[in-house]
Amino acid sequence: MHCRGRIDLQVKLNGFRIELGEIEEGLARLAQVKEAAVVLVKKSEASSHLEAHVVSAAMREQSDFREGLAIKEELKKSLPHYMIPKKIVFHDSLPMTPNGKIDRKALA
């Protein structure tokens, strides 16, 4: 038997245990977000960060960068600093698995 990691959405980042679903719920509560998924991106063993993948609810009036900053500011009102994604990536739609779930491996 080999353990290949967690099968739930809990990750450990900078000493904090983070439930990715909690961040996704925070994003889903925002008016400008239709759909969201959060993944942990590992650059190396020592370096990793959270990345949010978002489908906008309406046409964005600002650039992706400015819209991402606005979303982060809204998240800061309800989530602790260590749960704020470092990067927000906008998509027309999120990739899905054949089972109809969000394909997190494709996002990472």
Protein backbone atom coordinates (compact mmCIF):
# COMPACT_ATOMS: atom_id res chain seq x y z
CA MET A 1 0.00 0.00 0.00
CA HIS A 2 1.36 3.41 -0.98
CA CYS A 3 0.11 6.70 0.37
CA ARG A 4 0.05 9.26 -2.45
CA GLY A 5 -1.24 12.25 -0.51
CA ARG A 6 -4.58 13.59 0.64
CA ILE A 7 -7.76 13.00 -1.32
CA ASP A 8 -9.63 15.90 0.24
CA LEU A 9 -9.06 19.59 -0.42
CA GLN A 10 -6.99 20.38 2.66
CA VAL A 11 -3.43 21.60 2.10
CA LYS A 12 -0.64 22.81 4.36
CA LEU A 13 1.00 26.09 3.40
CA ASN A 14 3.50 28.04 5.52
CA GLY A 15 2.49 26.07 8.62
CA PHE A 16 -1.25 26.67 8.17
CA ARG A 17 -3.77 23.97 7.34
CA ILE A 18 -6.03 25.43 4.68
CA GLU A 19 -9.31 24.03 3.42
CA LEU A 20 -9.45 25.04 -0.26
CA GLY A 21 -13.24 24.65 -0.27
CA GLU A 22 -13.51 27.44 2.29
CA ILE A 23 -11.68 29.83 -0.05
CA GLU A 24 -13.85 28.71 -2.95
CA GLU A 25 -16.97 29.43 -0.88
CA GLY A 26 -15.63 32.91 -0.13
CA LEU A 27 -15.08 33.50 -3.84
CA ALA A 28 -18.54 32.14 -4.74
CA ARG A 29 -20.17 34.68 -2.39
CA LEU A 30 -18.75 37.57 -4.42
CA ALA A 31 -21.10 39.12 -6.96
CA GLN A 32 -18.45 39.25 -9.70
CA VAL A 33 -17.65 35.51 -9.47
CA LYS A 34 -19.76 32.85 -11.20
CA GLU A 35 -17.54 29.84 -10.53
CA ALA A 36 -14.19 29.32 -8.78
CA ALA A 37 -11.58 26.72 -7.95
CA VAL A 38 -8.44 27.11 -5.83
CA VAL A 39 -5.30 25.02 -6.22
CA LEU A 40 -1.93 24.86 -4.51
CA VAL A 41 0.86 25.57 -7.00
CA LYS A 42 4.27 24.16 -6.10
CA LYS A 43 7.24 25.86 -7.74
CA SER A 44 9.77 23.84 -5.74
CA GLU A 45 9.89 21.96 -2.43
CA ALA A 46 10.30 25.22 -0.52
CA SER A 47 8.12 27.48 -2.64
CA SER A 48 4.37 27.20 -3.16
CA HIS A 49 1.34 29.47 -3.26
CA LEU A 50 -2.43 29.48 -3.69
CA GLU A 51 -3.90 30.24 -7.08
CA ALA A 52 -7.59 30.95 -7.70
CA HIS A 53 -9.18 30.14 -11.05
CA VAL A 54 -12.30 32.21 -11.61
CA VAL A 55 -15.12 32.44 -14.14
CA SER A 56 -16.57 35.96 -14.07
CA ALA A 57 -20.32 36.41 -13.56
CA ALA A 58 -20.42 39.31 -16.02
CA MET A 59 -18.20 41.04 -18.54
CA ARG A 60 -15.16 42.48 -16.75
CA GLU A 61 -14.91 46.26 -16.96
CA GLN A 62 -11.29 46.38 -15.77
CA SER A 63 -8.14 44.51 -16.72
CA ASP A 64 -7.60 41.02 -15.31
CA PHE A 65 -4.97 42.44 -12.95
CA ARG A 66 -7.26 45.15 -11.52
CA GLU A 67 -10.21 42.77 -11.29
CA GLY A 68 -7.99 40.29 -9.43
CA LEU A 69 -6.94 42.99 -6.96
CA ALA A 70 -10.59 43.89 -6.36
CA ILE A 71 -11.44 40.24 -5.66
CA LYS A 72 -8.52 39.92 -3.24
CA GLU A 73 -9.66 43.06 -1.38
CA GLU A 74 -13.16 41.60 -1.02
CA LEU A 75 -11.75 38.28 0.24
CA LYS A 76 -9.66 40.06 2.89
CA LYS A 77 -12.91 41.13 4.57
CA SER A 78 -13.91 37.53 5.30
CA LEU A 79 -10.77 35.37 5.18
CA PRO A 80 -7.44 35.47 7.06
CA HIS A 81 -4.37 36.71 5.18
CA TYR A 82 -2.86 33.25 4.69
CA MET A 83 -5.98 32.12 2.78
CA ILE A 84 -5.87 34.91 0.18
CA PRO A 85 -4.70 33.49 -3.18
CA LYS A 86 -1.47 34.99 -4.49
CA LYS A 87 -2.68 34.87 -8.08
CA ILE A 88 -6.13 35.01 -9.68
CA VAL A 89 -6.52 33.58 -13.18
CA PHE A 90 -9.64 34.28 -15.23
CA HIS A 91 -11.21 31.68 -17.53
CA ASP A 92 -14.24 31.50 -19.82
CA SER A 93 -15.02 28.11 -18.24
CA LEU A 94 -13.22 25.75 -15.88
CA PRO A 95 -11.92 22.40 -17.21
CA MET A 96 -14.07 19.43 -16.23
CA THR A 97 -13.34 15.73 -15.78
CA PRO A 98 -15.51 13.12 -17.53
CA ASN A 99 -17.38 12.80 -14.19
CA GLY A 100 -18.44 16.46 -14.35
CA LYS A 101 -16.13 17.67 -11.59
CA ILE A 102 -13.58 20.46 -11.85
CA ASP A 103 -10.28 19.10 -13.22
CA ARG A 104 -7.83 20.44 -10.63
CA LYS A 105 -4.85 18.72 -12.25
CA ALA A 106 -5.47 20.66 -15.46
CA LEU A 107 -5.58 23.91 -13.46
CA ALA A 108 -2.32 23.21 -11.63
